[in-house]
Amino acid sequence: MKKYKSPKSKSKVKRYIVVFLILALGVFVFVRYYFVFGTGVKSGELNYLVHKGVVFKTYEGKLIQTGFRADKPEGFQSNQFEFSVADKKIAEELMLASGKNVQLHYKEYFAPIPWRGFTEFIVDSIISVDDAKPNPTLPYNSLP
């Protein structure tokens, strides 16, 4: 004998499935775009900070760190940290510090959002800004 399911119970099951899918999508979007995956500090010479974008204008910058990377098949490459800045006040301070040694605190997300920036790394504070002074012990600084 077949058990008969009423139309009410079928609509309840469909409702639960829809609610579950909406909740799963909400959790996915939160984790992918708003969950802070990591935080840290990077230091180096601030190469540039620009305000760019077609639809969403964001602040994008590059920090040149000391040392070299040899993991590329093309050979040696400098360590570069590309980042975005969401706060206009912090971006204006960094624009004035171009070419100086800076320490930046950042948050790392799993994926960028167009209105927050083009990278997963969002700088949220400036720890320090120091003038770049050449090291007098290096041989190239003592040349005539």
N, C-alpha and C. Protein backbone atom coordinates (compact mmCIF):
# COMPACT_ATOMS: atom_id res chain seq x y z
N MET A 1 0.83 -1.16 0.00
CA MET A 1 0.00 0.00 0.00
C MET A 1 0.89 1.24 0.00
N LYS A 2 0.58 2.17 -0.88
CA LYS A 2 1.33 3.42 -0.99
C LYS A 2 0.85 4.42 0.04
N LYS A 3 1.84 5.09 0.61
CA LYS A 3 1.49 6.14 1.57
C LYS A 3 1.25 7.43 0.80
N TYR A 4 0.17 8.07 1.07
CA TYR A 4 -0.22 9.29 0.36
C TYR A 4 0.35 10.51 1.09
N LYS A 5 1.06 11.39 0.33
CA LYS A 5 1.57 12.65 0.89
C LYS A 5 0.65 13.76 0.45
N SER A 6 0.26 14.55 1.38
CA SER A 6 -0.64 15.65 1.05
C SER A 6 0.14 16.77 0.37
N PRO A 7 -0.51 17.61 -0.39
CA PRO A 7 0.16 18.74 -1.03
C PRO A 7 0.78 19.70 -0.02
N LYS A 8 0.21 19.75 1.19
CA LYS A 8 0.77 20.63 2.22
C LYS A 8 2.17 20.18 2.62
N SER A 9 2.38 18.90 2.79
CA SER A 9 3.70 18.41 3.20
C SER A 9 4.73 18.61 2.09
N LYS A 10 4.33 18.49 0.83
CA LYS A 10 5.25 18.74 -0.29
C LYS A 10 5.67 20.20 -0.32
N SER A 11 4.75 21.12 -0.05
CA SER A 11 5.10 22.54 -0.07
C SER A 11 6.00 22.89 1.12
N LYS A 12 5.83 22.21 2.25
CA LYS A 12 6.70 22.43 3.40
C LYS A 12 8.13 22.00 3.07
N VAL A 13 8.27 20.87 2.44
CA VAL A 13 9.61 20.38 2.06
C VAL A 13 10.26 21.37 1.10
N LYS A 14 9.52 21.83 0.12
CA LYS A 14 10.07 22.82 -0.82
C LYS A 14 10.48 24.10 -0.10
N ARG A 15 9.68 24.53 0.84
CA ARG A 15 9.98 25.74 1.61
C ARG A 15 11.28 25.56 2.41
N TYR A 16 11.44 24.41 3.05
CA TYR A 16 12.66 24.14 3.80
C TYR A 16 13.90 24.11 2.89
N ILE A 17 13.74 23.54 1.73
CA ILE A 17 14.85 23.49 0.77
C ILE A 17 15.24 24.90 0.34
N VAL A 18 14.26 25.73 0.03
CA VAL A 18 14.53 27.11 -0.38
C VAL A 18 15.20 27.90 0.74
N VAL A 19 14.71 27.75 1.97
CA VAL A 19 15.31 28.44 3.12
C VAL A 19 16.75 27.97 3.32
N PHE A 20 16.97 26.66 3.22
CA PHE A 20 18.32 26.12 3.37
C PHE A 20 19.25 26.67 2.29
N LEU A 21 18.80 26.73 1.04
CA LEU A 21 19.64 27.25 -0.05
C LEU A 21 19.96 28.73 0.14
N ILE A 22 19.00 29.51 0.61
CA ILE A 22 19.24 30.94 0.86
C ILE A 22 20.25 31.11 1.99
N LEU A 23 20.10 30.33 3.06
CA LEU A 23 21.07 30.40 4.17
C LEU A 23 22.45 29.96 3.72
N ALA A 24 22.53 28.90 2.93
CA ALA A 24 23.83 28.43 2.44
C ALA A 24 24.48 29.48 1.55
N LEU A 25 23.71 30.13 0.70
CA LEU A 25 24.25 31.19 -0.15
C LEU A 25 24.73 32.37 0.70
N GLY A 26 23.96 32.73 1.72
CA GLY A 26 24.37 33.82 2.62
C GLY A 26 25.66 33.50 3.34
N VAL A 27 25.81 32.28 3.84
CA VAL A 27 27.05 31.88 4.51
C VAL A 27 28.22 31.91 3.53
N PHE A 28 28.00 31.40 2.32
CA PHE A 28 29.06 31.40 1.31
C PHE A 28 29.52 32.82 0.99
N VAL A 29 28.59 33.74 0.76
CA VAL A 29 28.94 35.12 0.43
C VAL A 29 29.68 35.78 1.60
N PHE A 30 29.22 35.54 2.82
CA PHE A 30 29.90 36.12 3.98
C PHE A 30 31.33 35.62 4.09
N VAL A 31 31.51 34.31 4.01
CA VAL A 31 32.85 33.75 4.16
C VAL A 31 33.74 34.18 3.00
N ARG A 32 33.23 34.17 1.81
CA ARG A 32 34.05 34.50 0.63
C ARG A 32 34.47 35.97 0.59
N TYR A 33 33.59 36.89 0.97
CA TYR A 33 33.85 38.31 0.75
C TYR A 33 34.00 39.16 2.02
N TYR A 34 33.52 38.69 3.16
CA TYR A 34 33.54 39.54 4.36
C TYR A 34 34.28 38.93 5.55
N PHE A 35 34.57 37.65 5.54
CA PHE A 35 35.28 37.00 6.62
C PHE A 35 36.77 37.33 6.52
N VAL A 36 37.34 37.84 7.61
CA VAL A 36 38.76 38.18 7.62
C VAL A 36 39.55 36.89 7.80
N PHE A 37 40.25 36.49 6.75
CA PHE A 37 41.03 35.25 6.72
C PHE A 37 42.32 35.38 7.52
N GLY A 38 42.93 36.55 7.48
CA GLY A 38 44.17 36.76 8.21
C GLY A 38 44.47 38.24 8.36
N THR A 39 45.34 38.55 9.32
CA THR A 39 45.80 39.92 9.50
C THR A 39 47.31 39.88 9.63
N GLY A 40 47.94 41.01 9.37
CA GLY A 40 49.39 41.05 9.48
C GLY A 40 49.94 42.44 9.25
N VAL A 41 51.26 42.50 9.25
CA VAL A 41 51.97 43.75 9.03
C VAL A 41 53.00 43.51 7.93
N LYS A 42 53.05 44.40 6.99
CA LYS A 42 54.07 44.38 5.93
C LYS A 42 54.83 45.68 6.00
N SER A 43 56.13 45.60 5.74
CA SER A 43 56.94 46.81 5.74
C SER A 43 57.80 46.83 4.49
N GLY A 44 58.09 48.03 4.04
CA GLY A 44 58.91 48.21 2.85
C GLY A 44 58.76 49.63 2.33
N GLU A 45 59.29 49.84 1.15
CA GLU A 45 59.21 51.17 0.54
C GLU A 45 57.92 51.28 -0.26
N LEU A 46 57.16 52.32 0.03
CA LEU A 46 55.90 52.54 -0.68
C LEU A 46 56.21 53.01 -2.09
N ASN A 47 55.90 52.19 -3.07
CA ASN A 47 56.19 52.52 -4.46
C ASN A 47 55.17 53.52 -4.98
N TYR A 48 53.89 53.21 -4.85
CA TYR A 48 52.86 54.14 -5.30
C TYR A 48 51.53 53.81 -4.64
N LEU A 49 50.64 54.78 -4.68
CA LEU A 49 49.25 54.61 -4.29
C LEU A 49 48.42 55.46 -5.24
N VAL A 50 47.48 54.83 -5.93
CA VAL A 50 46.68 55.53 -6.94
C VAL A 50 45.19 55.34 -6.64
N HIS A 51 44.41 56.29 -7.11
CA HIS A 51 42.95 56.24 -7.02
C HIS A 51 42.46 55.94 -8.42
N LYS A 52 41.96 54.72 -8.64
CA LYS A 52 41.59 54.34 -10.00
C LYS A 52 40.35 53.47 -10.02
N GLY A 53 39.79 53.30 -11.20
CA GLY A 53 38.63 52.45 -11.40
C GLY A 53 37.69 53.07 -12.40
N VAL A 54 36.92 52.23 -13.06
CA VAL A 54 35.95 52.71 -14.05
C VAL A 54 34.61 52.98 -13.38
N VAL A 55 34.06 51.97 -12.73
CA VAL A 55 32.77 52.13 -12.05
C VAL A 55 32.99 52.46 -10.58
N PHE A 56 33.83 51.67 -9.92
CA PHE A 56 34.14 51.87 -8.51
C PHE A 56 35.56 52.41 -8.40
N LYS A 57 35.72 53.63 -7.91
CA LYS A 57 37.04 54.23 -7.71
C LYS A 57 37.60 53.72 -6.38
N THR A 58 38.74 53.05 -6.45
CA THR A 58 39.37 52.51 -5.25
C THR A 58 40.82 52.95 -5.19
N TYR A 59 41.41 52.84 -4.02
CA TYR A 59 42.82 53.18 -3.82
C TYR A 59 43.64 51.89 -3.88
N GLU A 60 44.58 51.84 -4.80
CA GLU A 60 45.43 50.66 -5.00
C GLU A 60 46.89 51.06 -4.85
N GLY A 61 47.67 50.22 -4.17
CA GLY A 61 49.07 50.56 -3.94
C GLY A 61 49.98 49.37 -4.06
N LYS A 62 51.28 49.69 -4.06
CA LYS A 62 52.31 48.66 -4.13
C LYS A 62 53.42 49.01 -3.17
N LEU A 63 53.86 48.01 -2.41
CA LEU A 63 54.93 48.14 -1.44
C LEU A 63 56.08 47.25 -1.91
N ILE A 64 57.28 47.81 -2.01
CA ILE A 64 58.46 47.04 -2.41
C ILE A 64 59.19 46.62 -1.14
N GLN A 65 59.31 45.32 -0.93
CA GLN A 65 59.98 44.80 0.25
C GLN A 65 61.42 44.47 -0.07
N THR A 66 62.25 44.38 0.97
CA THR A 66 63.65 44.04 0.76
C THR A 66 63.78 42.57 0.38
N GLY A 67 64.84 42.26 -0.32
CA GLY A 67 65.09 40.89 -0.74
C GLY A 67 64.57 40.61 -2.12
N PHE A 68 64.82 39.39 -2.58
CA PHE A 68 64.40 38.98 -3.91
C PHE A 68 63.73 37.62 -3.85
N ARG A 69 62.86 37.37 -4.81
CA ARG A 69 62.22 36.07 -4.97
C ARG A 69 62.85 35.38 -6.15
N ALA A 70 63.11 34.08 -6.01
CA ALA A 70 63.68 33.31 -7.10
C ALA A 70 62.75 32.19 -7.53
N ASP A 71 61.47 32.27 -7.19
CA ASP A 71 60.54 31.19 -7.50
C ASP A 71 59.91 31.32 -8.89
N LYS A 72 60.26 32.35 -9.61
CA LYS A 72 59.72 32.54 -10.96
C LYS A 72 60.69 31.97 -11.98
N PRO A 73 60.19 31.38 -13.06
CA PRO A 73 61.10 30.84 -14.09
C PRO A 73 61.87 31.93 -14.83
N GLU A 74 61.38 33.18 -14.76
CA GLU A 74 62.06 34.28 -15.46
C GLU A 74 63.32 34.72 -14.71
N GLY A 75 63.50 34.28 -13.47
CA GLY A 75 64.67 34.68 -12.70
C GLY A 75 64.27 35.41 -11.43
N PHE A 76 65.14 36.29 -10.99
CA PHE A 76 64.92 37.01 -9.75
C PHE A 76 63.87 38.11 -9.93
N GLN A 77 63.12 38.34 -8.88
CA GLN A 77 62.11 39.39 -8.89
C GLN A 77 62.03 39.98 -7.49
N SER A 78 61.79 41.28 -7.40
CA SER A 78 61.68 41.90 -6.08
C SER A 78 60.37 41.49 -5.41
N ASN A 79 60.39 41.48 -4.09
CA ASN A 79 59.17 41.17 -3.33
C ASN A 79 58.25 42.37 -3.38
N GLN A 80 57.08 42.18 -3.90
CA GLN A 80 56.11 43.27 -4.00
C GLN A 80 54.83 42.87 -3.29
N PHE A 81 54.26 43.79 -2.59
CA PHE A 81 53.00 43.58 -1.88
C PHE A 81 51.99 44.54 -2.46
N GLU A 82 51.03 44.01 -3.21
CA GLU A 82 49.98 44.84 -3.79
C GLU A 82 48.79 44.82 -2.85
N PHE A 83 48.22 46.00 -2.62
CA PHE A 83 47.16 46.13 -1.63
C PHE A 83 46.15 47.18 -2.06
N SER A 84 45.02 47.18 -1.35
CA SER A 84 43.97 48.18 -1.54
C SER A 84 43.75 48.90 -0.22
N VAL A 85 43.23 50.12 -0.30
CA VAL A 85 42.91 50.90 0.89
C VAL A 85 41.45 51.32 0.78
N ALA A 86 40.64 50.98 1.78
CA ALA A 86 39.22 51.32 1.75
C ALA A 86 38.95 52.68 2.39
N ASP A 87 39.79 53.13 3.31
CA ASP A 87 39.58 54.37 4.04
C ASP A 87 40.29 55.53 3.32
N LYS A 88 39.52 56.55 2.98
CA LYS A 88 40.07 57.69 2.23
C LYS A 88 41.15 58.43 3.03
N LYS A 89 40.97 58.58 4.34
CA LYS A 89 41.95 59.29 5.17
C LYS A 89 43.30 58.57 5.18
N ILE A 90 43.27 57.25 5.32
CA ILE A 90 44.51 56.47 5.28
C ILE A 90 45.17 56.57 3.91
N ALA A 91 44.37 56.55 2.86
CA ALA A 91 44.90 56.65 1.50
C ALA A 91 45.59 57.99 1.28
N GLU A 92 45.01 59.07 1.77
CA GLU A 92 45.62 60.39 1.62
C GLU A 92 46.95 60.48 2.37
N GLU A 93 47.02 59.87 3.56
CA GLU A 93 48.28 59.85 4.30
C GLU A 93 49.35 59.06 3.54
N LEU A 94 48.94 57.94 2.95
CA LEU A 94 49.90 57.11 2.20
C LEU A 94 50.36 57.81 0.93
N MET A 95 49.49 58.58 0.30
CA MET A 95 49.91 59.30 -0.91
C MET A 95 51.04 60.28 -0.60
N LEU A 96 51.02 60.85 0.58
CA LEU A 96 52.08 61.77 1.00
C LEU A 96 53.36 61.03 1.39
N ALA A 97 53.27 59.73 1.63
CA ALA A 97 54.42 58.94 2.07
C ALA A 97 55.06 58.15 0.93
N SER A 98 54.72 58.43 -0.29
CA SER A 98 55.28 57.70 -1.42
C SER A 98 56.80 57.83 -1.44
N GLY A 99 57.50 56.70 -1.59
CA GLY A 99 58.95 56.68 -1.60
C GLY A 99 59.57 56.52 -0.24
N LYS A 100 58.77 56.48 0.81
CA LYS A 100 59.29 56.32 2.18
C LYS A 100 59.06 54.89 2.65
N ASN A 101 59.81 54.51 3.67
CA ASN A 101 59.61 53.20 4.29
C ASN A 101 58.40 53.28 5.21
N VAL A 102 57.49 52.34 5.05
CA VAL A 102 56.27 52.33 5.84
C VAL A 102 56.02 50.93 6.39
N GLN A 103 55.29 50.88 7.48
CA GLN A 103 54.77 49.63 8.03
C GLN A 103 53.26 49.73 7.99
N LEU A 104 52.63 48.77 7.34
CA LEU A 104 51.18 48.80 7.14
C LEU A 104 50.52 47.57 7.76
N HIS A 105 49.42 47.80 8.47
CA HIS A 105 48.62 46.70 9.00
C HIS A 105 47.52 46.42 7.99
N TYR A 106 47.30 45.13 7.68
CA TYR A 106 46.31 44.78 6.67
C TYR A 106 45.43 43.63 7.13
N LYS A 107 44.29 43.51 6.45
CA LYS A 107 43.39 42.38 6.62
C LYS A 107 43.36 41.63 5.29
N GLU A 108 43.32 40.31 5.39
CA GLU A 108 43.29 39.49 4.18
C GLU A 108 41.93 38.79 4.08
N TYR A 109 41.31 38.91 2.91
CA TYR A 109 40.03 38.28 2.64
C TYR A 109 40.24 37.20 1.59
N PHE A 110 39.27 36.30 1.43
CA PHE A 110 39.38 35.25 0.43
C PHE A 110 39.27 35.79 -0.99
N ALA A 111 38.47 36.83 -1.20
CA ALA A 111 38.27 37.37 -2.54
C ALA A 111 37.98 38.87 -2.45
N PRO A 112 38.36 39.61 -3.49
CA PRO A 112 38.09 41.05 -3.48
C PRO A 112 36.64 41.36 -3.85
N ILE A 113 36.19 42.53 -3.41
CA ILE A 113 34.88 43.06 -3.81
C ILE A 113 35.18 44.34 -4.59
N PRO A 114 34.54 44.56 -5.72
CA PRO A 114 34.90 45.72 -6.57
C PRO A 114 34.87 47.06 -5.86
N TRP A 115 33.96 47.30 -4.95
CA TRP A 115 33.88 48.61 -4.28
C TRP A 115 34.83 48.71 -3.10
N ARG A 116 35.47 47.61 -2.70
CA ARG A 116 36.44 47.65 -1.61
C ARG A 116 37.87 47.72 -2.14
N GLY A 117 38.11 47.17 -3.32
CA GLY A 117 39.44 47.19 -3.91
C GLY A 117 39.65 46.02 -4.84
N PHE A 118 40.78 46.05 -5.56
CA PHE A 118 41.06 45.00 -6.55
C PHE A 118 41.87 43.85 -5.97
N THR A 119 42.31 43.93 -4.73
CA THR A 119 43.12 42.87 -4.13
C THR A 119 42.43 42.30 -2.90
N GLU A 120 42.96 41.16 -2.45
CA GLU A 120 42.44 40.52 -1.24
C GLU A 120 42.98 41.19 0.02
N PHE A 121 44.02 42.02 -0.12
CA PHE A 121 44.68 42.64 1.02
C PHE A 121 44.19 44.09 1.17
N ILE A 122 43.57 44.40 2.31
CA ILE A 122 43.03 45.73 2.57
C ILE A 122 43.79 46.34 3.74
N VAL A 123 44.51 47.43 3.47
CA VAL A 123 45.25 48.12 4.52
C VAL A 123 44.25 48.91 5.36
N ASP A 124 44.29 48.67 6.68
CA ASP A 124 43.36 49.36 7.56
C ASP A 124 44.02 50.34 8.52
N SER A 125 45.37 50.33 8.59
CA SER A 125 46.06 51.32 9.43
C SER A 125 47.53 51.42 9.04
N ILE A 126 48.10 52.58 9.36
CA ILE A 126 49.52 52.82 9.14
C ILE A 126 50.20 52.73 10.50
N ILE A 127 51.17 51.86 10.61
CA ILE A 127 51.88 51.71 11.87
C ILE A 127 52.99 52.75 11.99
N SER A 128 53.78 52.89 10.93
CA SER A 128 54.85 53.90 10.97
C SER A 128 55.23 54.32 9.56
N VAL A 129 55.78 55.53 9.48
CA VAL A 129 56.32 56.06 8.23
C VAL A 129 57.70 56.63 8.56
N ASP A 130 58.73 56.10 7.91
CA ASP A 130 60.10 56.57 8.12
C ASP A 130 60.67 57.03 6.79
N ASP A 131 61.50 58.09 6.86
CA ASP A 131 62.18 58.53 5.65
C ASP A 131 63.17 57.46 5.23
N ALA A 132 63.23 57.18 3.95
CA ALA A 132 64.18 56.20 3.44
C ALA A 132 65.57 56.83 3.42
N LYS A 133 66.45 56.29 4.20
CA LYS A 133 67.83 56.79 4.26
C LYS A 133 68.75 55.70 3.74
N PRO A 134 69.71 56.04 2.89
CA PRO A 134 70.60 55.01 2.38
C PRO A 134 71.49 54.46 3.49
N ASN A 135 71.79 53.17 3.40
CA ASN A 135 72.66 52.51 4.36
C ASN A 135 74.11 52.83 4.02
N PRO A 136 74.86 53.54 4.90
CA PRO A 136 76.23 53.93 4.55
C PRO A 136 77.21 52.77 4.50
N THR A 137 76.84 51.61 5.02
CA THR A 137 77.76 50.47 5.01
C THR A 137 77.73 49.71 3.69
N LEU A 138 76.77 49.97 2.85
CA LEU A 138 76.72 49.28 1.56
C LEU A 138 77.75 49.86 0.61
N PRO A 139 78.41 49.03 -0.19
CA PRO A 139 79.49 49.51 -1.05
C PRO A 139 79.06 50.54 -2.10
N TYR A 140 77.85 50.42 -2.63
CA TYR A 140 77.44 51.37 -3.68
C TYR A 140 77.16 52.76 -3.12
N ASN A 141 76.98 52.92 -1.82
CA ASN A 141 76.76 54.24 -1.24
C ASN A 141 78.05 55.01 -1.01
N SER A 142 79.19 54.34 -1.07
CA SER A 142 80.46 55.01 -0.83
C SER A 142 81.18 55.35 -2.12
N LEU A 143 80.54 55.13 -3.26
CA LEU A 143 81.17 55.47 -4.54
C LEU A 143 81.21 56.98 -4.73
N PRO A 144 82.24 57.47 -5.41
CA PRO A 144 82.33 58.93 -5.63
C PRO A 144 81.28 59.48 -6.53
